[in-house]
Amino acid sequence: MARFSDEELKEKIRNGFIVESEDEMTETYKKALITQLTVQGDTELISAPSYFNVAKDAPSTNTMVSAMAIIQDELGHANIAYRLLEDLGVDREYLLYRREPKKFKHPYGFDQWLDNWAELVVANGLFDRAGITLLGDVYRNTSYGPLKRALVKVDLEENFHLRHGEVWMRRLCEAGGEAKEKVQRGVSWMFPMGVEWFGMPDDKKRHNAQLEYKLKGMTNDELRQTWANAVVPLCEELGLDVPAHWDDEQGKVVLDFEYPVDYDEENKVWLLNEPITWEQAFDRWKRRGPANEAYVESVRVGRMQLEGLMAA
């Protein structure tokens, strides 16, 4: 661990210092980095079973291959984050195979079931846009050298996922009828999920270590705004309704509801006129969503079967 203080490390980073190993970190820096990498790894990992469940509904063999390629990418991205965590002394075996499903740290949006191909491509278009917004900021600003280098590959592949989602959202909307209706249903529940994706508003957030150590460069609200400024014009172009609009006077997207709001998990419907407290939102995130256990277990089943055979 570094022989200098937190304030000395912050000053070094402000002057352009790039951290390359645990020996150059303080405990506070390491803790913040581990939290960030755990969220990154868990999000990439759990996206895979979420997408896999509906990839079989792809409209052609070629599109199924594309979906499977995205899933393979997501698992590779998860492995990068877990490998970096292993370098920091974190037990990868525990993270992947021993944690309770509710202890995973991916966004609540990936605890929901996707119902069809349309929802898969909406997830690519909205959720992968959220991932690019977050990881693109980390790539540009992170003070941790190994992560910056790893994100070169991740960024290229995530852009493919995003393009896949946006192209297919456009195709389905142009087809009209039931195809567009399915896209609309997906957008209706995934858009507010994306708003929540970036966490608490800046004026509510208590810990800023990731900003102070330049593990990322943008605040939660700046990231959320960047995401919304890209997603809302796309939805408006495609004739999709979202509870937000572009405000010319402010030069940005403005939400038409005050988050956080309550969510009906069973029917996948946001109760936009029923605001809740952030404590209630945190309780919902901690309870995890309806697909949480199934998704976690699905990425463990092969390992568990192998362990059973070896023990027999």
Protein backbone atom coordinates (compact mmCIF):
# COMPACT_ATOMS: atom_id res chain seq x y z
CA MET A 1 0.00 0.00 0.00
CA ALA A 2 1.21 3.53 -0.74
CA ARG A 3 3.32 5.33 1.82
CA PHE A 4 1.59 8.64 1.23
CA SER A 5 -1.72 9.93 2.55
CA ASP A 6 -5.07 10.17 0.81
CA GLU A 7 -4.62 13.89 0.28
CA GLU A 8 -1.16 13.38 -1.17
CA LEU A 9 -2.49 10.75 -3.58
CA LYS A 10 -5.35 13.02 -4.65
CA GLU A 11 -2.85 15.79 -5.38
CA LYS A 12 -0.65 13.45 -7.39
CA ILE A 13 -3.66 12.30 -9.41
CA ARG A 14 -4.77 15.88 -10.03
CA ASN A 15 -1.29 16.43 -11.49
CA GLY A 16 -1.67 13.51 -13.89
CA PHE A 17 -0.36 10.54 -11.86
CA ILE A 18 -1.64 7.14 -13.09
CA VAL A 19 -1.94 4.38 -10.51
CA GLU A 20 -0.53 1.10 -11.83
CA SER A 21 -0.44 -1.25 -8.84
CA GLU A 22 -1.73 -1.82 -5.35
CA ASP A 23 1.57 -0.51 -3.97
CA GLU A 24 0.63 2.95 -5.24
CA MET A 25 -2.85 3.02 -3.65
CA THR A 26 -4.17 4.13 -0.32
CA GLU A 27 -6.80 1.99 1.39
CA THR A 28 -9.48 4.54 0.52
CA TYR A 29 -8.53 4.50 -3.16
CA LYS A 30 -8.48 0.70 -3.23
CA LYS A 31 -11.90 0.44 -1.57
CA ALA A 32 -13.47 2.86 -4.07
CA LEU A 33 -11.85 1.03 -7.00
CA ILE A 34 -13.07 -2.36 -5.77
CA THR A 35 -16.63 -1.05 -5.47
CA GLN A 36 -16.50 0.36 -8.99
CA LEU A 37 -15.05 -2.80 -10.53
CA THR A 38 -17.54 -5.03 -8.70
CA VAL A 39 -20.49 -3.08 -10.08
CA GLN A 40 -18.89 -3.18 -13.53
CA GLY A 41 -18.27 -6.94 -13.42
CA ASP A 42 -21.67 -7.83 -11.98
CA THR A 43 -23.50 -5.69 -14.54
CA GLU A 44 -21.69 -7.28 -17.47
CA LEU A 45 -22.17 -10.79 -16.07
CA ILE A 46 -25.90 -10.60 -15.37
CA SER A 47 -26.67 -8.98 -18.71
CA ALA A 48 -25.66 -12.28 -20.34
CA PRO A 49 -28.49 -14.51 -18.98
CA SER A 50 -30.91 -11.62 -19.36
CA TYR A 51 -30.16 -11.45 -23.09
CA PHE A 52 -29.79 -15.22 -23.54
CA ASN A 53 -33.32 -15.97 -22.39
CA VAL A 54 -34.79 -14.13 -25.38
CA ALA A 55 -32.02 -14.52 -27.96
CA LYS A 56 -33.73 -17.74 -29.04
CA ASP A 57 -36.62 -15.56 -30.25
CA ALA A 58 -34.37 -13.87 -32.81
CA PRO A 59 -36.10 -13.50 -36.20
CA SER A 60 -33.34 -15.30 -38.14
CA THR A 61 -30.22 -17.39 -37.70
CA ASN A 62 -28.03 -14.38 -38.48
CA THR A 63 -29.69 -12.24 -35.84
CA MET A 64 -29.40 -15.04 -33.29
CA VAL A 65 -25.67 -15.21 -34.04
CA SER A 66 -25.42 -11.45 -33.45
CA ALA A 67 -27.24 -11.79 -30.13
CA MET A 68 -24.98 -14.64 -29.05
CA ALA A 69 -21.93 -12.57 -29.98
CA ILE A 70 -23.18 -9.80 -27.71
CA ILE A 71 -23.65 -12.29 -24.88
CA GLN A 72 -20.14 -13.63 -25.40
CA ASP A 73 -18.80 -10.06 -25.29
CA GLU A 74 -20.62 -9.34 -22.04
CA LEU A 75 -19.12 -12.42 -20.38
CA GLY A 76 -15.68 -11.35 -21.58
CA HIS A 77 -16.18 -7.87 -20.17
CA ALA A 78 -17.22 -9.36 -16.83
CA ASN A 79 -14.07 -11.48 -16.81
CA ILE A 80 -11.93 -8.36 -17.32
CA ALA A 81 -13.44 -6.67 -14.27
CA TYR A 82 -13.17 -9.78 -12.09
CA ARG A 83 -9.58 -10.34 -13.22
CA LEU A 84 -8.67 -6.80 -12.20
CA LEU A 85 -10.37 -7.40 -8.85
CA GLU A 86 -8.32 -10.55 -8.40
CA ASP A 87 -5.17 -8.45 -8.82
CA LEU A 88 -6.43 -6.38 -5.86
CA GLY A 89 -6.75 -9.45 -3.65
CA VAL A 90 -10.49 -10.04 -4.13
CA ASP A 91 -11.57 -13.69 -4.28
CA ARG A 92 -13.03 -14.16 -7.77
CA GLU A 93 -14.39 -17.59 -6.85
CA TYR A 94 -16.40 -16.03 -4.06
CA LEU A 95 -17.71 -13.22 -6.26
CA LEU A 96 -18.88 -15.57 -8.98
CA TYR A 97 -19.99 -18.69 -7.13
CA ARG A 98 -20.42 -18.10 -3.39
CA ARG A 99 -22.19 -14.77 -2.96
CA GLU A 100 -25.90 -14.69 -2.32
CA PRO A 101 -27.72 -13.48 -5.44
CA LYS A 102 -29.02 -10.44 -3.55
CA LYS A 103 -25.43 -9.37 -2.84
CA PHE A 104 -24.68 -8.77 -6.51
CA LYS A 105 -24.29 -5.08 -7.36
CA HIS A 106 -25.67 -4.77 -10.88
CA PRO A 107 -28.40 -2.21 -11.61
CA TYR A 108 -31.97 -3.11 -10.77
CA GLY A 109 -32.82 -3.03 -14.49
CA PHE A 110 -31.03 -6.34 -14.99
CA ASP A 111 -33.19 -8.00 -12.34
CA GLN A 112 -36.17 -7.91 -14.70
CA TRP A 113 -37.29 -10.52 -17.21
CA LEU A 114 -37.02 -9.66 -20.89
CA ASP A 115 -40.07 -11.05 -22.67
CA ASN A 116 -39.22 -11.03 -26.38
CA TRP A 117 -36.79 -10.01 -29.12
CA ALA A 118 -38.09 -6.44 -29.11
CA GLU A 119 -37.23 -6.06 -25.43
CA LEU A 120 -33.76 -7.47 -26.03
CA VAL A 121 -32.98 -4.82 -28.64
CA VAL A 122 -34.51 -2.08 -26.49
CA ALA A 123 -32.19 -3.23 -23.69
CA ASN A 124 -29.29 -2.97 -26.15
CA GLY A 125 -30.42 0.50 -27.12
CA LEU A 126 -31.11 1.85 -23.62
CA PHE A 127 -29.14 -0.25 -21.13
CA ASP A 128 -26.04 -0.61 -23.30
CA ARG A 129 -26.21 3.14 -23.87
CA ALA A 130 -26.10 3.51 -20.08
CA GLY A 131 -23.10 1.19 -19.96
CA ILE A 132 -21.27 3.14 -22.66
CA THR A 133 -22.04 6.41 -20.90
CA LEU A 134 -20.54 5.12 -17.67
CA LEU A 135 -17.58 3.20 -19.04
CA GLY A 136 -16.78 5.82 -21.67
CA ASP A 137 -16.43 8.36 -18.89
CA VAL A 138 -14.26 5.95 -16.89
CA TYR A 139 -12.07 5.27 -19.93
CA ARG A 140 -11.48 8.98 -20.54
CA ASN A 141 -10.83 9.89 -16.93
CA THR A 142 -9.75 6.95 -14.80
CA SER A 143 -6.54 7.23 -12.83
CA TYR A 144 -6.16 3.43 -12.75
CA GLY A 145 -3.95 2.43 -15.67
CA PRO A 146 -4.87 -1.29 -15.97
CA LEU A 147 -8.56 -0.44 -16.23
CA LYS A 148 -8.00 2.30 -18.81
CA ARG A 149 -6.13 -0.11 -21.07
CA ALA A 150 -8.74 -2.86 -20.64
CA LEU A 151 -11.57 -0.52 -21.59
CA VAL A 152 -10.22 0.03 -25.09
CA LYS A 153 -11.59 -3.39 -26.12
CA VAL A 154 -14.74 -3.04 -24.02
CA ASP A 155 -15.64 0.33 -25.56
CA LEU A 156 -15.43 -0.99 -29.12
CA GLU A 157 -17.63 -3.98 -28.37
CA GLU A 158 -20.21 -2.02 -26.38
CA ASN A 159 -20.63 0.32 -29.35
CA PHE A 160 -21.50 -2.72 -31.46
CA HIS A 161 -24.16 -3.70 -28.91
CA LEU A 162 -25.59 -0.20 -28.98
CA ARG A 163 -25.70 -0.06 -32.78
CA HIS A 164 -27.40 -3.46 -32.84
CA GLY A 165 -30.09 -2.20 -30.48
CA GLU A 166 -30.72 1.09 -32.25
CA VAL A 167 -30.80 -0.48 -35.73
CA TRP A 168 -33.32 -3.09 -34.63
CA MET A 169 -35.44 -0.61 -32.70
CA ARG A 170 -35.67 1.39 -35.93
CA ARG A 171 -36.54 -1.69 -38.03
CA LEU A 172 -39.30 -2.79 -35.69
CA CYS A 173 -40.75 0.70 -35.43
CA GLU A 174 -40.75 1.07 -39.20
CA ALA A 175 -42.60 -2.24 -39.45
CA GLY A 176 -45.33 -0.76 -37.27
CA GLY A 177 -48.22 -2.67 -35.75
CA GLU A 178 -47.46 -5.26 -33.10
CA ALA A 179 -43.70 -4.95 -33.66
CA LYS A 180 -43.70 -1.27 -32.76
CA GLU A 181 -46.09 -1.87 -29.87
CA LYS A 182 -43.61 -4.34 -28.34
CA VAL A 183 -40.81 -1.79 -28.67
CA GLN A 184 -43.00 0.80 -26.99
CA ARG A 185 -43.79 -1.54 -24.10
CA GLY A 186 -40.09 -2.18 -23.63
CA VAL A 187 -39.22 1.52 -23.71
CA SER A 188 -42.02 2.32 -21.25
CA TRP A 189 -40.49 0.22 -18.49
CA MET A 190 -36.81 0.46 -19.44
CA PHE A 191 -36.56 4.24 -19.77
CA PRO A 192 -37.23 4.92 -16.06
CA MET A 193 -34.87 2.03 -15.26
CA GLY A 194 -32.21 3.94 -17.18
CA VAL A 195 -32.93 7.09 -15.21
CA GLU A 196 -32.34 5.16 -11.98
CA TRP A 197 -29.28 3.40 -13.43
CA PHE A 198 -26.96 6.26 -12.49
CA GLY A 199 -27.84 6.30 -8.81
CA MET A 200 -28.82 9.08 -6.47
CA PRO A 201 -28.91 12.74 -7.52
CA ASP A 202 -25.75 14.71 -6.80
CA ASP A 203 -27.35 16.67 -3.96
CA LYS A 204 -28.26 13.41 -2.18
CA LYS A 205 -24.99 11.53 -2.68
CA ARG A 206 -22.74 11.34 0.37
CA HIS A 207 -19.59 9.65 -0.96
CA ASN A 208 -17.51 11.08 -3.81
CA ALA A 209 -14.30 9.04 -3.60
CA GLN A 210 -14.61 7.92 -7.23
CA LEU A 211 -14.59 11.56 -8.32
CA GLU A 212 -11.94 12.69 -5.86
CA TYR A 213 -9.55 9.97 -7.05
CA LYS A 214 -10.54 10.38 -10.71
CA LEU A 215 -11.86 6.86 -11.00
CA LYS A 216 -14.51 8.57 -13.10
CA GLY A 217 -14.91 12.13 -14.31
CA MET A 218 -18.64 12.90 -14.37
CA THR A 219 -21.15 13.11 -11.54
CA ASN A 220 -24.27 10.94 -11.36
CA ASP A 221 -26.47 13.74 -12.69
CA GLU A 222 -24.05 14.56 -15.51
CA LEU A 223 -23.97 10.91 -16.57
CA ARG A 224 -27.76 10.64 -16.36
CA GLN A 225 -28.16 13.79 -18.45
CA THR A 226 -25.70 12.57 -21.08
CA TRP A 227 -27.66 9.32 -21.38
CA ALA A 228 -31.04 11.04 -21.57
CA ASN A 229 -29.80 13.55 -24.16
CA ALA A 230 -28.99 10.60 -26.45
CA VAL A 231 -31.94 8.30 -25.71
CA VAL A 232 -34.86 10.73 -25.79
CA PRO A 233 -34.18 12.15 -29.30
CA LEU A 234 -33.88 8.57 -30.62
CA CYS A 235 -37.23 7.61 -29.11
CA GLU A 236 -38.89 10.77 -30.42
CA GLU A 237 -37.48 10.09 -33.90
CA LEU A 238 -38.99 6.59 -33.81
CA GLY A 239 -42.37 7.84 -32.59
CA LEU A 240 -42.02 6.27 -29.17
CA ASP A 241 -43.49 7.87 -26.07
CA VAL A 242 -41.14 8.58 -23.17
CA PRO A 243 -41.84 10.59 -19.99
CA ALA A 244 -39.29 13.25 -20.97
CA HIS A 245 -38.82 15.96 -23.58
CA TRP A 246 -36.17 18.22 -25.08
CA ASP A 247 -36.25 21.72 -23.57
CA ASP A 248 -34.88 24.32 -26.02
CA GLU A 249 -34.50 26.95 -23.33
CA GLN A 250 -32.36 24.72 -21.12
CA GLY A 251 -30.68 22.97 -24.04
CA LYS A 252 -31.21 19.52 -22.56
CA VAL A 253 -33.70 16.75 -21.93
CA VAL A 254 -36.06 17.32 -19.02
CA LEU A 255 -37.93 14.51 -17.27
CA ASP A 256 -41.71 14.68 -17.02
CA PHE A 257 -41.74 12.96 -13.64
CA GLU A 258 -39.94 13.37 -10.33
CA TYR A 259 -37.86 10.29 -9.56
CA PRO A 260 -37.72 8.01 -7.67
CA VAL A 261 -41.20 6.60 -8.23
CA ASP A 262 -42.86 3.31 -7.37
CA TYR A 263 -42.67 0.31 -9.69
CA ASP A 264 -45.09 -2.58 -10.22
CA GLU A 265 -42.68 -5.51 -10.80
CA GLU A 266 -45.37 -8.03 -11.71
CA ASN A 267 -46.79 -5.94 -14.53
CA LYS A 268 -43.57 -4.05 -15.37
CA VAL A 269 -45.29 -0.69 -15.01
CA TRP A 270 -43.89 2.48 -13.43
CA LEU A 271 -46.29 4.45 -11.25
CA LEU A 272 -44.99 7.82 -12.40
CA ASN A 273 -47.49 9.76 -10.30
CA GLU A 274 -46.52 7.95 -7.10
CA PRO A 275 -43.16 9.28 -5.88
CA ILE A 276 -41.25 7.40 -3.20
CA THR A 277 -38.30 8.31 -0.99
CA TRP A 278 -34.73 7.39 -1.81
CA GLU A 279 -34.77 5.10 1.20
CA GLN A 280 -37.65 3.20 -0.39
CA ALA A 281 -35.80 3.08 -3.71
CA PHE A 282 -32.74 1.66 -1.94
CA ASP A 283 -34.91 -0.97 -0.26
CA ARG A 284 -36.25 -2.02 -3.68
CA TRP A 285 -32.73 -2.26 -5.11
CA LYS A 286 -31.55 -4.32 -2.14
CA ARG A 287 -34.49 -6.72 -2.41
CA ARG A 288 -33.46 -7.19 -6.04
CA GLY A 289 -35.96 -7.90 -8.79
CA PRO A 290 -37.96 -10.96 -9.86
CA ALA A 291 -35.26 -12.49 -12.11
CA ASN A 292 -32.32 -11.98 -9.72
CA GLU A 293 -31.90 -15.50 -8.36
CA ALA A 294 -32.62 -17.21 -11.67
CA TYR A 295 -30.08 -15.10 -13.55
CA VAL A 296 -27.34 -15.63 -10.98
CA GLU A 297 -27.97 -19.36 -10.77
CA SER A 298 -27.97 -19.68 -14.56
CA VAL A 299 -24.35 -18.50 -14.77
CA ARG A 300 -23.38 -20.92 -11.99
CA VAL A 301 -25.15 -24.08 -13.07
CA GLY A 302 -22.32 -25.55 -15.12
CA ARG A 303 -19.83 -25.04 -12.33
CA MET A 304 -22.18 -26.56 -9.79
CA GLN A 305 -22.78 -29.60 -11.99
CA LEU A 306 -19.04 -30.09 -12.46
CA GLU A 307 -18.44 -29.89 -8.71
CA GLY A 308 -21.16 -32.48 -8.19
CA LEU A 309 -19.58 -34.87 -10.68
CA MET A 310 -16.15 -34.43 -9.13
CA ALA A 311 -17.52 -35.12 -5.66
CA ALA A 312 -19.38 -38.26 -6.74
